[in-house]
Amino acid sequence: MIEVQTFTFFPEAFAENTYVVSDKTGHCVVIDPGCYTQAERKRLIDHLENRGLHLEKVLNTHCHLDHIFGNRLLVERFEVPLIACEKDVYNIQQAEIAAQLWNLSLDPSPMPDEFVDEGDTVTFGNTTFQVLFTPGHSAGHVSFYLPEDNCLFSGDVIFQNSFGRVDLPGGSMNTLRTTIQERIFTLPEDTRIYAGHMGFTTVGQEKATNPINWV
């Protein structure tokens, strides 16, 4: 059984959800560390250290700016690997340009230490994620699925009654629609979706109400 702690970072611009996922061993991963300000970074570090959690890995569902602000902080402080899909490395390479467009400073993310794709697994403690290749919002987007715990960490593929934008490099509405209908909506309807923005939802709720069904 896992425990999920959600941090919503940089609400003024992105309101990005960062997830600390731990199990009974006390080991954990951080998914999409979007902590931007020093206060946000301290909140995340304090949570890990005050809870005595052993961070094993940092996972990126994709590498857009708002999901990688804290990559370097965690990788260097805890000496852990960064894991992402190789097809999304272009977003790390373009991150400084993206930051300039937003008039933001950037602590550049390191390149991933390990690459994952469809059919791979990622393990921490006694927990094993299944990796789903879920492109459309970006070219190398992946989602992390825990069938035993009935939950999906979907990044920016699908949100509560919404879905990811497709107007950034590597985005495609046709690809995103196919991903959601064939990769997300085929999961059990009571699967909890922990998305990159907004609150959590379920596969069944989104099958019934998500506007991807009508665009």
N, C-alpha and C. Protein backbone atom coordinates (compact mmCIF):
# COMPACT_ATOMS: atom_id res chain seq x y z
N MET A 1 0.84 -1.20 0.00
CA MET A 1 0.00 0.00 0.00
C MET A 1 0.88 1.25 0.00
N ILE A 2 0.57 2.16 -0.89
CA ILE A 2 1.36 3.38 -0.99
C ILE A 2 0.69 4.52 -0.24
N GLU A 3 1.48 5.55 0.02
CA GLU A 3 0.98 6.82 0.54
C GLU A 3 1.38 7.90 -0.45
N VAL A 4 0.44 8.78 -0.79
CA VAL A 4 0.69 9.84 -1.76
C VAL A 4 0.55 11.19 -1.07
N GLN A 5 1.60 11.98 -1.14
CA GLN A 5 1.56 13.36 -0.65
C GLN A 5 1.66 14.29 -1.85
N THR A 6 0.69 15.21 -1.95
CA THR A 6 0.63 16.13 -3.08
C THR A 6 1.10 17.51 -2.66
N PHE A 7 1.97 18.10 -3.46
CA PHE A 7 2.39 19.49 -3.30
C PHE A 7 2.01 20.23 -4.57
N THR A 8 1.28 21.33 -4.43
CA THR A 8 0.95 22.15 -5.59
C THR A 8 1.85 23.36 -5.57
N PHE A 9 2.77 23.42 -6.54
CA PHE A 9 3.81 24.43 -6.55
C PHE A 9 3.56 25.50 -7.61
N PHE A 10 4.09 26.69 -7.31
CA PHE A 10 4.04 27.85 -8.21
C PHE A 10 2.61 28.14 -8.67
N PRO A 11 1.69 28.34 -7.70
CA PRO A 11 0.28 28.57 -8.07
C PRO A 11 0.05 29.83 -8.89
N GLU A 12 0.97 30.80 -8.78
CA GLU A 12 0.79 32.05 -9.51
C GLU A 12 0.89 31.86 -11.03
N ALA A 13 1.60 30.82 -11.46
CA ALA A 13 1.81 30.63 -12.89
C ALA A 13 1.35 29.27 -13.39
N PHE A 14 1.74 28.20 -12.67
CA PHE A 14 1.52 26.87 -13.20
C PHE A 14 0.60 25.98 -12.35
N ALA A 15 0.62 26.17 -11.05
CA ALA A 15 -0.14 25.31 -10.13
C ALA A 15 0.10 23.84 -10.47
N GLU A 16 1.37 23.47 -10.45
CA GLU A 16 1.77 22.11 -10.85
C GLU A 16 1.78 21.19 -9.64
N ASN A 17 1.29 19.97 -9.85
CA ASN A 17 1.24 18.97 -8.78
C ASN A 17 2.49 18.11 -8.79
N THR A 18 3.20 18.15 -7.67
CA THR A 18 4.34 17.26 -7.44
C THR A 18 3.90 16.20 -6.45
N TYR A 19 4.28 14.95 -6.71
CA TYR A 19 3.84 13.85 -5.86
C TYR A 19 5.03 13.16 -5.20
N VAL A 20 4.92 12.97 -3.88
CA VAL A 20 5.84 12.10 -3.15
C VAL A 20 5.08 10.81 -2.89
N VAL A 21 5.58 9.73 -3.46
CA VAL A 21 4.92 8.43 -3.34
C VAL A 21 5.82 7.52 -2.52
N SER A 22 5.32 7.05 -1.38
CA SER A 22 6.11 6.22 -0.49
C SER A 22 5.35 4.94 -0.17
N ASP A 23 6.07 3.94 0.33
CA ASP A 23 5.40 2.73 0.80
C ASP A 23 5.86 2.41 2.22
N LYS A 24 5.44 1.28 2.72
CA LYS A 24 5.67 0.97 4.14
C LYS A 24 7.14 0.75 4.47
N THR A 25 7.99 0.61 3.45
CA THR A 25 9.43 0.48 3.72
C THR A 25 10.06 1.80 4.11
N GLY A 26 9.33 2.92 3.89
CA GLY A 26 9.91 4.23 4.13
C GLY A 26 10.68 4.76 2.94
N HIS A 27 10.71 4.02 1.84
CA HIS A 27 11.35 4.49 0.61
C HIS A 27 10.31 5.21 -0.24
N CYS A 28 10.80 6.09 -1.13
CA CYS A 28 9.87 6.90 -1.91
C CYS A 28 10.49 7.33 -3.22
N VAL A 29 9.62 7.84 -4.08
CA VAL A 29 10.04 8.56 -5.29
C VAL A 29 9.34 9.91 -5.28
N VAL A 30 9.91 10.85 -6.01
CA VAL A 30 9.23 12.12 -6.27
C VAL A 30 8.92 12.17 -7.75
N ILE A 31 7.66 12.44 -8.07
CA ILE A 31 7.22 12.52 -9.46
C ILE A 31 7.01 13.98 -9.83
N ASP A 32 7.73 14.45 -10.84
CA ASP A 32 7.59 15.79 -11.41
C ASP A 32 7.81 16.90 -10.38
N PRO A 33 9.03 17.06 -9.89
CA PRO A 33 9.28 18.10 -8.89
C PRO A 33 9.24 19.51 -9.50
N GLY A 34 8.13 20.19 -9.29
CA GLY A 34 7.92 21.52 -9.86
C GLY A 34 8.20 22.66 -8.90
N CYS A 35 8.92 22.39 -7.82
CA CYS A 35 9.19 23.42 -6.82
C CYS A 35 10.09 24.50 -7.42
N TYR A 36 9.61 25.74 -7.38
CA TYR A 36 10.32 26.85 -8.02
C TYR A 36 10.96 27.79 -7.01
N THR A 37 10.18 28.28 -6.07
CA THR A 37 10.71 29.23 -5.10
C THR A 37 11.51 28.51 -4.03
N GLN A 38 12.33 29.28 -3.30
CA GLN A 38 13.10 28.68 -2.21
C GLN A 38 12.18 28.12 -1.14
N ALA A 39 11.06 28.80 -0.89
CA ALA A 39 10.10 28.31 0.11
C ALA A 39 9.50 26.97 -0.32
N GLU A 40 9.20 26.84 -1.61
CA GLU A 40 8.64 25.58 -2.10
C GLU A 40 9.67 24.46 -2.01
N ARG A 41 10.89 24.77 -2.34
CA ARG A 41 11.94 23.77 -2.26
C ARG A 41 12.15 23.31 -0.82
N LYS A 42 12.08 24.25 0.11
CA LYS A 42 12.24 23.90 1.53
C LYS A 42 11.09 23.02 2.00
N ARG A 43 9.87 23.32 1.55
CA ARG A 43 8.71 22.50 1.93
C ARG A 43 8.91 21.05 1.51
N LEU A 44 9.39 20.86 0.30
CA LEU A 44 9.57 19.50 -0.20
C LEU A 44 10.69 18.78 0.53
N ILE A 45 11.82 19.45 0.69
CA ILE A 45 12.95 18.84 1.40
C ILE A 45 12.57 18.53 2.85
N ASP A 46 11.91 19.47 3.51
CA ASP A 46 11.50 19.26 4.90
C ASP A 46 10.57 18.06 5.02
N HIS A 47 9.67 17.90 4.07
CA HIS A 47 8.75 16.75 4.12
C HIS A 47 9.55 15.45 4.04
N LEU A 48 10.47 15.37 3.11
CA LEU A 48 11.25 14.14 2.97
C LEU A 48 12.08 13.86 4.22
N GLU A 49 12.75 14.88 4.72
CA GLU A 49 13.66 14.68 5.83
C GLU A 49 12.93 14.52 7.16
N ASN A 50 11.88 15.31 7.39
CA ASN A 50 11.15 15.21 8.65
C ASN A 50 10.39 13.90 8.77
N ARG A 51 9.96 13.35 7.64
CA ARG A 51 9.27 12.06 7.66
C ARG A 51 10.25 10.89 7.64
N GLY A 52 11.53 11.18 7.50
CA GLY A 52 12.52 10.13 7.46
C GLY A 52 12.41 9.26 6.22
N LEU A 53 11.94 9.84 5.11
CA LEU A 53 11.77 9.08 3.89
C LEU A 53 13.10 8.94 3.15
N HIS A 54 13.29 7.79 2.56
CA HIS A 54 14.50 7.53 1.79
C HIS A 54 14.16 7.69 0.31
N LEU A 55 14.59 8.80 -0.28
CA LEU A 55 14.31 9.05 -1.69
C LEU A 55 15.21 8.16 -2.55
N GLU A 56 14.57 7.37 -3.43
CA GLU A 56 15.32 6.47 -4.31
C GLU A 56 15.51 7.03 -5.71
N LYS A 57 14.47 7.71 -6.24
CA LYS A 57 14.51 8.13 -7.63
C LYS A 57 13.64 9.35 -7.83
N VAL A 58 13.95 10.12 -8.85
CA VAL A 58 13.10 11.22 -9.31
C VAL A 58 12.55 10.81 -10.68
N LEU A 59 11.24 10.89 -10.83
CA LEU A 59 10.57 10.49 -12.07
C LEU A 59 9.96 11.70 -12.75
N ASN A 60 10.16 11.81 -14.03
CA ASN A 60 9.47 12.83 -14.83
C ASN A 60 8.49 12.15 -15.77
N THR A 61 7.21 12.53 -15.67
CA THR A 61 6.26 12.05 -16.68
C THR A 61 6.60 12.67 -18.03
N HIS A 62 7.04 13.91 -18.00
CA HIS A 62 7.53 14.62 -19.18
C HIS A 62 8.40 15.76 -18.67
N CYS A 63 9.06 16.45 -19.58
CA CYS A 63 10.11 17.38 -19.16
C CYS A 63 9.80 18.83 -19.48
N HIS A 64 8.52 19.20 -19.49
CA HIS A 64 8.19 20.62 -19.61
C HIS A 64 8.69 21.37 -18.38
N LEU A 65 8.91 22.65 -18.59
CA LEU A 65 9.54 23.51 -17.60
C LEU A 65 8.96 23.34 -16.20
N ASP A 66 7.63 23.37 -16.08
CA ASP A 66 7.00 23.38 -14.77
C ASP A 66 7.11 22.05 -14.03
N HIS A 67 7.57 21.01 -14.70
CA HIS A 67 7.70 19.70 -14.08
C HIS A 67 9.14 19.35 -13.73
N ILE A 68 10.08 20.24 -14.06
CA ILE A 68 11.49 19.90 -13.85
C ILE A 68 12.25 20.93 -13.01
N PHE A 69 11.55 21.94 -12.49
CA PHE A 69 12.24 22.99 -11.73
C PHE A 69 13.11 22.40 -10.61
N GLY A 70 12.64 21.34 -9.96
CA GLY A 70 13.37 20.79 -8.81
C GLY A 70 14.22 19.58 -9.11
N ASN A 71 14.37 19.23 -10.39
CA ASN A 71 15.15 18.03 -10.72
C ASN A 71 16.56 18.08 -10.16
N ARG A 72 17.29 19.15 -10.46
CA ARG A 72 18.68 19.22 -10.04
C ARG A 72 18.80 19.22 -8.52
N LEU A 73 17.94 19.95 -7.85
CA LEU A 73 17.96 20.01 -6.39
C LEU A 73 17.92 18.61 -5.79
N LEU A 74 16.95 17.80 -6.21
CA LEU A 74 16.77 16.49 -5.61
C LEU A 74 17.86 15.51 -6.03
N VAL A 75 18.21 15.52 -7.31
CA VAL A 75 19.22 14.59 -7.81
C VAL A 75 20.55 14.83 -7.11
N GLU A 76 20.93 16.08 -6.95
CA GLU A 76 22.23 16.37 -6.35
C GLU A 76 22.22 16.23 -4.83
N ARG A 77 21.15 16.68 -4.19
CA ARG A 77 21.11 16.63 -2.73
C ARG A 77 21.05 15.19 -2.22
N PHE A 78 20.25 14.36 -2.89
CA PHE A 78 20.06 13.00 -2.41
C PHE A 78 20.84 11.95 -3.20
N GLU A 79 21.56 12.40 -4.23
CA GLU A 79 22.39 11.51 -5.04
C GLU A 79 21.57 10.34 -5.57
N VAL A 80 20.51 10.68 -6.28
CA VAL A 80 19.59 9.68 -6.82
C VAL A 80 19.48 9.87 -8.33
N PRO A 81 19.05 8.83 -9.06
CA PRO A 81 18.92 8.94 -10.51
C PRO A 81 17.64 9.67 -10.91
N LEU A 82 17.73 10.32 -12.07
CA LEU A 82 16.58 10.95 -12.72
C LEU A 82 16.13 10.03 -13.84
N ILE A 83 14.81 9.79 -13.90
CA ILE A 83 14.25 8.85 -14.87
C ILE A 83 13.19 9.54 -15.71
N ALA A 84 13.29 9.39 -17.02
CA ALA A 84 12.32 9.96 -17.95
C ALA A 84 12.38 9.17 -19.24
N CYS A 85 11.55 9.55 -20.21
CA CYS A 85 11.56 8.91 -21.52
C CYS A 85 12.54 9.64 -22.43
N GLU A 86 13.33 8.90 -23.16
CA GLU A 86 14.34 9.51 -24.03
C GLU A 86 13.71 10.42 -25.08
N LYS A 87 12.47 10.10 -25.49
CA LYS A 87 11.81 10.90 -26.52
C LYS A 87 11.42 12.29 -26.02
N ASP A 88 11.57 12.54 -24.73
CA ASP A 88 11.21 13.85 -24.19
C ASP A 88 12.41 14.70 -23.79
N VAL A 89 13.61 14.21 -24.07
CA VAL A 89 14.81 14.95 -23.70
C VAL A 89 14.85 16.32 -24.38
N TYR A 90 14.22 16.44 -25.55
CA TYR A 90 14.23 17.74 -26.23
C TYR A 90 13.65 18.85 -25.35
N ASN A 91 12.74 18.52 -24.47
CA ASN A 91 12.17 19.54 -23.58
C ASN A 91 13.18 20.02 -22.54
N ILE A 92 14.05 19.15 -22.08
CA ILE A 92 15.14 19.59 -21.20
C ILE A 92 16.08 20.49 -21.98
N GLN A 93 16.38 20.12 -23.19
CA GLN A 93 17.30 20.90 -24.01
C GLN A 93 16.75 22.29 -24.33
N GLN A 94 15.42 22.43 -24.38
CA GLN A 94 14.79 23.70 -24.71
C GLN A 94 14.31 24.47 -23.48
N ALA A 95 14.59 23.93 -22.29
CA ALA A 95 14.02 24.50 -21.07
C ALA A 95 14.49 25.93 -20.81
N GLU A 96 15.75 26.23 -21.09
CA GLU A 96 16.23 27.59 -20.83
C GLU A 96 15.53 28.60 -21.72
N ILE A 97 15.25 28.24 -22.96
CA ILE A 97 14.50 29.13 -23.85
C ILE A 97 13.09 29.32 -23.31
N ALA A 98 12.47 28.23 -22.87
CA ALA A 98 11.12 28.33 -22.30
C ALA A 98 11.11 29.22 -21.07
N ALA A 99 12.12 29.09 -20.22
CA ALA A 99 12.19 29.93 -19.02
C ALA A 99 12.31 31.40 -19.38
N GLN A 100 13.09 31.72 -20.39
CA GLN A 100 13.23 33.10 -20.82
C GLN A 100 11.90 33.67 -21.31
N LEU A 101 11.11 32.86 -21.99
CA LEU A 101 9.81 33.31 -22.48
C LEU A 101 8.87 33.64 -21.32
N TRP A 102 9.04 32.93 -20.21
CA TRP A 102 8.22 33.19 -19.02
C TRP A 102 8.89 34.20 -18.08
N ASN A 103 10.07 34.68 -18.46
CA ASN A 103 10.84 35.59 -17.62
C ASN A 103 11.14 34.96 -16.26
N LEU A 104 11.57 33.70 -16.30
CA LEU A 104 11.88 32.96 -15.10
C LEU A 104 13.34 32.57 -15.08
N SER A 105 13.87 32.41 -13.88
CA SER A 105 15.20 31.83 -13.75
C SER A 105 15.06 30.32 -13.76
N LEU A 106 16.14 29.63 -14.07
CA LEU A 106 16.08 28.18 -14.16
C LEU A 106 17.36 27.57 -13.64
N ASP A 107 17.21 26.62 -12.74
CA ASP A 107 18.32 25.77 -12.31
C ASP A 107 18.29 24.58 -13.27
N PRO A 108 19.13 24.57 -14.30
CA PRO A 108 18.96 23.59 -15.38
C PRO A 108 18.91 22.15 -14.89
N SER A 109 17.98 21.40 -15.44
CA SER A 109 17.87 19.99 -15.07
C SER A 109 19.03 19.19 -15.66
N PRO A 110 19.55 18.25 -14.89
CA PRO A 110 20.49 17.30 -15.51
C PRO A 110 19.75 16.42 -16.50
N MET A 111 20.49 15.78 -17.38
CA MET A 111 19.90 14.80 -18.27
C MET A 111 19.53 13.55 -17.47
N PRO A 112 18.53 12.82 -17.92
CA PRO A 112 18.15 11.60 -17.20
C PRO A 112 19.29 10.60 -17.12
N ASP A 113 19.34 9.90 -16.01
CA ASP A 113 20.30 8.82 -15.83
C ASP A 113 19.79 7.52 -16.43
N GLU A 114 18.45 7.38 -16.45
CA GLU A 114 17.84 6.17 -16.99
C GLU A 114 16.64 6.58 -17.85
N PHE A 115 16.45 5.84 -18.93
CA PHE A 115 15.31 6.08 -19.81
C PHE A 115 14.30 4.95 -19.67
N VAL A 116 13.03 5.32 -19.73
CA VAL A 116 11.96 4.33 -19.68
C VAL A 116 10.99 4.55 -20.84
N ASP A 117 10.28 3.50 -21.18
CA ASP A 117 9.31 3.55 -22.26
C ASP A 117 8.24 2.50 -21.99
N GLU A 118 7.32 2.36 -22.91
CA GLU A 118 6.21 1.42 -22.78
C GLU A 118 6.71 0.03 -22.40
N GLY A 119 6.07 -0.53 -21.37
CA GLY A 119 6.39 -1.88 -20.95
C GLY A 119 7.48 -2.00 -19.92
N ASP A 120 8.18 -0.91 -19.65
CA ASP A 120 9.21 -0.93 -18.61
C ASP A 120 8.57 -0.86 -17.23
N THR A 121 9.37 -1.10 -16.22
CA THR A 121 8.93 -0.95 -14.83
C THR A 121 9.93 -0.08 -14.08
N VAL A 122 9.44 0.57 -13.03
CA VAL A 122 10.28 1.35 -12.13
C VAL A 122 9.94 0.91 -10.71
N THR A 123 10.95 0.52 -9.97
CA THR A 123 10.74 -0.04 -8.63
C THR A 123 11.36 0.86 -7.57
N PHE A 124 10.67 1.00 -6.45
CA PHE A 124 11.25 1.59 -5.24
C PHE A 124 10.66 0.84 -4.06
N GLY A 125 11.44 0.69 -3.00
CA GLY A 125 10.94 -0.06 -1.85
C GLY A 125 10.38 -1.40 -2.30
N ASN A 126 9.10 -1.66 -1.90
CA ASN A 126 8.40 -2.87 -2.32
C ASN A 126 7.39 -2.60 -3.43
N THR A 127 7.54 -1.47 -4.10
CA THR A 127 6.52 -1.00 -5.05
C THR A 127 7.10 -0.97 -6.46
N THR A 128 6.27 -1.38 -7.43
CA THR A 128 6.71 -1.40 -8.83
C THR A 128 5.68 -0.70 -9.70
N PHE A 129 6.11 0.38 -10.36
CA PHE A 129 5.29 1.06 -11.35
C PHE A 129 5.38 0.34 -12.69
N GLN A 130 4.27 0.29 -13.40
CA GLN A 130 4.29 -0.03 -14.82
C GLN A 130 4.38 1.29 -15.59
N VAL A 131 5.23 1.34 -16.61
CA VAL A 131 5.38 2.53 -17.41
C VAL A 131 4.48 2.43 -18.64
N LEU A 132 3.64 3.44 -18.83
CA LEU A 132 2.79 3.53 -20.01
C LEU A 132 3.29 4.67 -20.89
N PHE A 133 3.48 4.42 -22.16
CA PHE A 133 3.86 5.48 -23.09
C PHE A 133 2.58 6.22 -23.48
N THR A 134 2.52 7.51 -23.12
CA THR A 134 1.28 8.28 -23.27
C THR A 134 1.54 9.62 -23.95
N PRO A 135 1.95 9.62 -25.20
CA PRO A 135 2.29 10.87 -25.91
C PRO A 135 1.04 11.66 -26.31
N GLY A 136 1.29 12.86 -26.80
CA GLY A 136 0.23 13.74 -27.27
C GLY A 136 0.38 15.14 -26.71
N HIS A 137 0.57 15.23 -25.40
CA HIS A 137 0.91 16.52 -24.79
C HIS A 137 2.35 16.87 -25.10
N SER A 138 3.21 15.88 -25.06
CA SER A 138 4.59 16.00 -25.53
C SER A 138 4.95 14.68 -26.19
N ALA A 139 6.05 14.69 -26.93
CA ALA A 139 6.38 13.53 -27.75
C ALA A 139 6.81 12.32 -26.93
N GLY A 140 7.41 12.57 -25.75
CA GLY A 140 7.93 11.48 -24.95
C GLY A 140 7.26 11.35 -23.59
N HIS A 141 6.00 11.70 -23.52
CA HIS A 141 5.27 11.63 -22.24
C HIS A 141 5.05 10.18 -21.83
N VAL A 142 5.28 9.90 -20.56
CA VAL A 142 4.94 8.60 -19.99
C VAL A 142 4.09 8.81 -18.75
N SER A 143 3.36 7.77 -18.37
CA SER A 143 2.58 7.77 -17.13
C SER A 143 3.01 6.57 -16.30
N PHE A 144 2.83 6.70 -14.99
CA PHE A 144 3.27 5.66 -14.07
C PHE A 144 2.05 5.04 -13.39
N TYR A 145 1.88 3.73 -13.59
CA TYR A 145 0.66 3.02 -13.21
C TYR A 145 0.97 1.99 -12.13
N LEU A 146 0.15 1.99 -11.08
CA LEU A 146 0.25 1.01 -10.01
C LEU A 146 -1.05 0.22 -9.94
N PRO A 147 -1.15 -0.90 -10.67
CA PRO A 147 -2.41 -1.64 -10.66
C PRO A 147 -2.79 -2.17 -9.28
N GLU A 148 -1.81 -2.56 -8.48
CA GLU A 148 -2.13 -3.08 -7.15
C GLU A 148 -2.74 -2.02 -6.25
N ASP A 149 -2.36 -0.77 -6.47
CA ASP A 149 -2.91 0.33 -5.68
C ASP A 149 -3.97 1.12 -6.45
N ASN A 150 -4.26 0.66 -7.66
CA ASN A 150 -5.37 1.21 -8.42
C ASN A 150 -5.22 2.71 -8.69
N CYS A 151 -4.03 3.12 -9.12
CA CYS A 151 -3.82 4.54 -9.36
C CYS A 151 -2.85 4.77 -10.50
N LEU A 152 -2.99 5.94 -11.12
CA LEU A 152 -2.18 6.34 -12.26
C LEU A 152 -1.67 7.75 -12.04
N PHE A 153 -0.39 7.95 -12.25
CA PHE A 153 0.20 9.29 -12.22
C PHE A 153 0.36 9.71 -13.67
N SER A 154 -0.54 10.59 -14.12
CA SER A 154 -0.76 10.81 -15.55
C SER A 154 -0.08 12.04 -16.10
N GLY A 155 0.67 12.79 -15.27
CA GLY A 155 1.28 14.00 -15.79
C GLY A 155 0.24 14.91 -16.42
N ASP A 156 0.52 15.37 -17.63
CA ASP A 156 -0.36 16.35 -18.28
C ASP A 156 -1.16 15.75 -19.43
N VAL A 157 -1.37 14.45 -19.41
CA VAL A 157 -2.19 13.83 -20.44
C VAL A 157 -3.66 14.19 -20.25
N ILE A 158 -4.16 13.95 -19.05
CA ILE A 158 -5.58 14.13 -18.76
C ILE A 158 -5.73 14.80 -17.40
N PHE A 159 -6.71 15.67 -17.29
CA PHE A 159 -7.02 16.35 -16.04
C PHE A 159 -8.48 16.12 -15.69
N GLN A 160 -8.88 16.63 -14.55
CA GLN A 160 -10.28 16.56 -14.15
C GLN A 160 -11.12 17.39 -15.13
N ASN A 161 -11.90 16.70 -15.95
CA ASN A 161 -12.76 17.32 -16.97
C ASN A 161 -11.96 18.17 -17.96
N SER A 162 -10.74 17.78 -18.24
CA SER A 162 -9.92 18.51 -19.19
C SER A 162 -8.80 17.60 -19.68
N PHE A 163 -7.91 18.15 -20.50
CA PHE A 163 -6.80 17.36 -21.02
C PHE A 163 -5.65 18.30 -21.35
N GLY A 164 -4.49 17.74 -21.61
CA GLY A 164 -3.29 18.53 -21.81
C GLY A 164 -3.30 19.33 -23.09
N ARG A 165 -2.61 20.47 -23.07
CA ARG A 165 -2.51 21.30 -24.26
C ARG A 165 -1.64 20.59 -25.30
N VAL A 166 -1.87 20.93 -26.56
CA VAL A 166 -1.16 20.26 -27.64
C VAL A 166 -0.44 21.24 -28.56
N ASP A 167 -0.32 22.50 -28.13
CA ASP A 167 0.25 23.54 -28.99
C ASP A 167 1.72 23.79 -28.73
N LEU A 168 2.36 22.95 -27.93
CA LEU A 168 3.79 23.06 -27.68
C LEU A 168 4.53 22.05 -28.56
N PRO A 169 5.83 22.23 -28.78
CA PRO A 169 6.57 21.28 -29.62
C PRO A 169 6.37 19.84 -29.18
N GLY A 170 6.05 19.00 -30.14
CA GLY A 170 5.82 17.59 -29.83
C GLY A 170 4.39 17.26 -29.49
N GLY A 171 3.52 18.27 -29.40
CA GLY A 171 2.12 18.03 -29.09
C GLY A 171 1.32 17.66 -30.32
N SER A 172 0.26 16.88 -30.12
CA SER A 172 -0.61 16.47 -31.22
C SER A 172 -1.97 16.09 -30.67
N MET A 173 -3.02 16.75 -31.14
CA MET A 173 -4.36 16.44 -30.67
C MET A 173 -4.77 15.02 -31.05
N ASN A 174 -4.46 14.60 -32.26
CA ASN A 174 -4.84 13.25 -32.68
C ASN A 174 -4.14 12.21 -31.82
N THR A 175 -2.86 12.43 -31.55
CA THR A 175 -2.11 11.50 -30.71
C THR A 175 -2.64 11.49 -29.29
N LEU A 176 -2.93 12.68 -28.76
CA LEU A 176 -3.44 12.75 -27.38
C LEU A 176 -4.78 12.06 -27.26
N ARG A 177 -5.67 12.28 -28.21
CA ARG A 177 -6.98 11.64 -28.18
C ARG A 177 -6.84 10.12 -28.18
N THR A 178 -5.96 9.62 -29.06
CA THR A 178 -5.74 8.18 -29.10
C THR A 178 -5.16 7.66 -27.79
N THR A 179 -4.19 8.39 -27.24
CA THR A 179 -3.60 8.00 -25.95
C THR A 179 -4.66 7.89 -24.87
N ILE A 180 -5.50 8.90 -24.75
CA ILE A 180 -6.50 8.89 -23.68
C ILE A 180 -7.51 7.77 -23.89
N GLN A 181 -7.97 7.61 -25.11
CA GLN A 181 -9.02 6.62 -25.36
C GLN A 181 -8.50 5.19 -25.31
N GLU A 182 -7.24 4.98 -25.75
CA GLU A 182 -6.74 3.62 -25.83
C GLU A 182 -5.83 3.22 -24.67
N ARG A 183 -5.22 4.20 -23.99
CA ARG A 183 -4.31 3.88 -22.91
C ARG A 183 -4.88 4.19 -21.52
N ILE A 184 -5.67 5.28 -21.43
CA ILE A 184 -6.22 5.69 -20.14
C ILE A 184 -7.61 5.09 -19.93
N PHE A 185 -8.48 5.26 -20.89
CA PHE A 185 -9.87 4.82 -20.72
C PHE A 185 -10.02 3.30 -20.72
N THR A 186 -8.99 2.56 -21.05
CA THR A 186 -9.05 1.09 -20.99
C THR A 186 -8.63 0.56 -19.62
N LEU A 187 -8.18 1.43 -18.72
CA LEU A 187 -7.87 1.02 -17.35
C LEU A 187 -9.16 0.84 -16.56
N PRO A 188 -9.14 0.12 -15.45
CA PRO A 188 -10.35 -0.03 -14.64
C PRO A 188 -10.96 1.31 -14.28
N GLU A 189 -12.29 1.39 -14.29
CA GLU A 189 -12.97 2.68 -14.13
C GLU A 189 -12.74 3.30 -12.76
N ASP A 190 -12.43 2.51 -11.75
CA ASP A 190 -12.19 3.09 -10.43
C ASP A 190 -10.72 3.47 -10.21
N THR A 191 -9.91 3.42 -11.26
CA THR A 191 -8.51 3.85 -11.15
C THR A 191 -8.45 5.33 -10.83
N ARG A 192 -7.75 5.69 -9.76
CA ARG A 192 -7.57 7.09 -9.39
C ARG A 192 -6.50 7.71 -10.27
N ILE A 193 -6.78 8.88 -10.79
CA ILE A 193 -5.84 9.60 -11.64
C ILE A 193 -5.26 10.77 -10.87
N TYR A 194 -3.96 10.73 -10.64
CA TYR A 194 -3.24 11.84 -10.03
C TYR A 194 -2.57 12.61 -11.16
N ALA A 195 -3.14 13.76 -11.50
CA ALA A 195 -2.71 14.50 -12.68
C ALA A 195 -1.70 15.59 -12.33
N GLY A 196 -1.07 16.13 -13.37
CA GLY A 196 -0.06 17.16 -13.18
C GLY A 196 -0.61 18.51 -12.77
N HIS A 197 -1.90 18.71 -12.93
CA HIS A 197 -2.56 19.95 -12.54
C HIS A 197 -3.98 19.62 -12.09
N MET A 198 -4.53 20.46 -11.25
CA MET A 198 -5.90 20.30 -10.72
C MET A 198 -5.99 19.09 -9.80
N GLY A 199 -7.22 18.76 -9.37
CA GLY A 199 -7.41 17.69 -8.40
C GLY A 199 -7.42 16.31 -9.03
N PHE A 200 -7.46 15.28 -8.15
CA PHE A 200 -7.47 13.93 -8.68
C PHE A 200 -8.86 13.58 -9.15
N THR A 201 -8.92 12.59 -10.05
CA THR A 201 -10.18 12.15 -10.62
C THR A 201 -10.10 10.64 -10.82
N THR A 202 -11.04 10.06 -11.55
CA THR A 202 -11.02 8.63 -11.83
C THR A 202 -11.23 8.39 -13.31
N VAL A 203 -10.82 7.22 -13.76
CA VAL A 203 -11.01 6.86 -15.16
C VAL A 203 -12.49 6.88 -15.51
N GLY A 204 -13.32 6.34 -14.65
CA GLY A 204 -14.76 6.29 -14.94
C GLY A 204 -15.37 7.67 -15.08
N GLN A 205 -14.98 8.59 -14.19
CA GLN A 205 -15.52 9.94 -14.27
C GLN A 205 -15.12 10.60 -15.59
N GLU A 206 -13.87 10.41 -15.99
CA GLU A 206 -13.41 11.07 -17.22
C GLU A 206 -13.99 10.42 -18.47
N LYS A 207 -14.20 9.13 -18.44
CA LYS A 207 -14.86 8.48 -19.58
C LYS A 207 -16.24 9.06 -19.81
N ALA A 208 -16.91 9.45 -18.71
CA ALA A 208 -18.27 9.97 -18.81
C ALA A 208 -18.34 11.45 -19.14
N THR A 209 -17.33 12.22 -18.71
CA THR A 209 -17.48 13.67 -18.78
C THR A 209 -16.38 14.41 -19.51
N ASN A 210 -15.24 13.77 -19.78
CA ASN A 210 -14.11 14.53 -20.32
C ASN A 210 -14.38 15.01 -21.74
N PRO A 211 -14.10 16.27 -22.02
CA PRO A 211 -14.39 16.81 -23.36
C PRO A 211 -13.54 16.21 -24.47
N ILE A 212 -12.51 15.43 -24.16
CA ILE A 212 -11.75 14.75 -25.21
C ILE A 212 -12.67 13.87 -26.05
N ASN A 213 -13.78 13.46 -25.46
CA ASN A 213 -14.73 12.61 -26.16
C ASN A 213 -15.44 13.32 -27.30
N TRP A 214 -15.39 14.68 -27.30
CA TRP A 214 -16.20 15.42 -28.25
C TRP A 214 -15.38 16.39 -29.10
N VAL A 215 -14.05 16.37 -28.99
CA VAL A 215 -13.23 17.27 -29.80
C VAL A 215 -12.63 16.49 -30.97
